[in-house]
Protein backbone atom coordinates (compact mmCIF):
# COMPACT_ATOMS: atom_id res chain seq x y z
CA MET A 1 207.03 -44.88 -44.05
CA LYS A 2 207.07 -44.42 -40.48
CA ALA A 3 207.10 -47.61 -37.96
CA LEU A 4 206.61 -48.57 -34.37
CA VAL A 5 206.33 -52.01 -32.88
CA ILE A 6 204.77 -52.08 -29.92
CA LYS A 7 206.01 -55.26 -28.43
CA ASP A 8 204.70 -57.47 -24.60
CA ALA A 9 201.17 -55.93 -24.53
CA ARG A 10 197.78 -57.90 -23.49
CA ILE A 11 196.15 -57.06 -26.53
CA VAL A 12 191.94 -57.21 -25.90
CA ASN A 13 190.13 -57.51 -29.02
CA GLU A 14 186.58 -58.87 -29.71
CA GLY A 15 186.17 -60.31 -26.44
CA ARG A 16 189.43 -62.17 -26.50
CA THR A 17 192.74 -60.81 -24.67
CA THR A 18 196.17 -62.38 -26.01
CA GLU A 19 199.85 -61.40 -25.59
CA GLY A 20 202.02 -60.09 -28.14
CA ASP A 21 202.94 -57.52 -30.61
CA VAL A 22 201.40 -55.00 -33.03
CA LEU A 23 203.51 -53.32 -35.67
CA ILE A 24 202.18 -50.23 -37.24
CA ILE A 25 203.84 -49.02 -40.57
CA GLY A 26 202.14 -45.10 -41.26
CA GLY A 27 199.34 -44.98 -39.10
CA ARG A 28 198.02 -48.70 -40.10
CA ILE A 29 197.95 -51.60 -38.57
CA GLU A 30 200.29 -54.02 -40.23
CA GLN A 31 200.71 -56.89 -38.44
CA VAL A 32 199.88 -58.80 -35.26
CA GLY A 33 201.36 -61.70 -33.39
CA ARG A 34 204.43 -62.74 -31.11
CA GLY A 35 208.02 -62.18 -31.18
CA LEU A 36 207.36 -59.57 -34.14
CA SER A 37 210.80 -58.34 -36.04
CA VAL A 38 211.17 -54.90 -35.54
CA PRO A 39 212.10 -53.42 -39.09
CA ASP A 40 215.11 -50.87 -39.18
CA GLY A 41 214.76 -47.65 -38.26
CA ALA A 42 211.43 -48.45 -36.42
CA SER A 43 210.28 -47.13 -32.89
CA VAL A 44 209.66 -49.78 -30.41
CA LEU A 45 207.50 -49.46 -27.69
CA ASP A 46 207.42 -52.03 -24.75
CA ALA A 47 204.12 -52.20 -23.28
CA GLY A 48 205.03 -54.60 -20.93
CA GLY A 49 202.31 -56.25 -20.04
CA LYS A 50 200.20 -53.47 -20.01
CA LEU A 51 196.63 -53.58 -21.83
CA LEU A 52 196.07 -52.66 -25.75
CA LEU A 53 192.86 -51.68 -26.70
CA PRO A 54 190.87 -50.66 -29.48
CA GLY A 55 189.31 -47.49 -29.78
CA PHE A 56 186.12 -46.85 -28.36
CA ILE A 57 182.61 -45.60 -29.33
CA ASP A 58 181.00 -43.30 -27.30
CA ASP A 59 176.95 -42.69 -28.56
CA GLN A 60 175.88 -40.70 -25.78
CA VAL A 61 177.44 -37.18 -26.30
CA HIS A 62 175.40 -34.20 -26.06
CA PHE A 63 177.63 -31.26 -27.16
CA ARG A 64 176.40 -27.41 -26.87
CA GLU A 65 174.00 -26.04 -29.35
CA PRO A 66 174.72 -22.09 -30.48
CA GLY A 67 173.79 -19.81 -27.39
CA LEU A 68 173.86 -22.66 -24.43
CA THR A 69 177.29 -22.03 -23.15
CA ARG A 70 176.93 -24.72 -20.02
CA LYS A 71 177.75 -27.67 -22.25
CA GLY A 72 181.18 -28.36 -24.38
CA ASP A 73 180.78 -27.65 -27.89
CA ILE A 74 182.82 -29.89 -30.67
CA TYR A 75 186.11 -28.68 -30.07
CA THR A 76 186.07 -29.45 -26.66
CA GLU A 77 184.20 -32.52 -26.29
CA SER A 78 186.23 -34.27 -29.35
CA THR A 79 189.11 -33.09 -28.02
CA ALA A 80 188.46 -34.78 -24.44
CA ALA A 81 187.24 -37.71 -25.95
CA VAL A 82 190.08 -38.39 -28.40
CA SER A 83 192.24 -38.29 -24.60
CA GLY A 84 190.15 -41.01 -22.77
CA GLY A 85 190.48 -43.66 -26.46
CA ILE A 86 187.40 -42.35 -28.03
CA THR A 87 187.95 -42.51 -31.52
CA SER A 88 184.11 -42.17 -32.97
CA TYR A 89 181.30 -40.53 -31.24
CA MET A 90 177.31 -39.92 -31.72
CA GLU A 91 175.28 -37.21 -30.88
């Protein structure tokens, strides 16, 4: 499985900020901590003090209804949401 280690990030989660690394294997977070070892063949992303945040939920989306072309549709708005760090939304 493909592995990624995000190194030296400022990890923000549940109202706390800590510094450390995140190991992701197969798209799933497997370990969070300081000084994590890098598995053979893993990609490494140096976060160098940058913030690492969980995905956000947008509870104020309004998609276009059929015939109303002034609003975005499910495709355009969900694509824009992912680009901005939104992982879930509610109509």
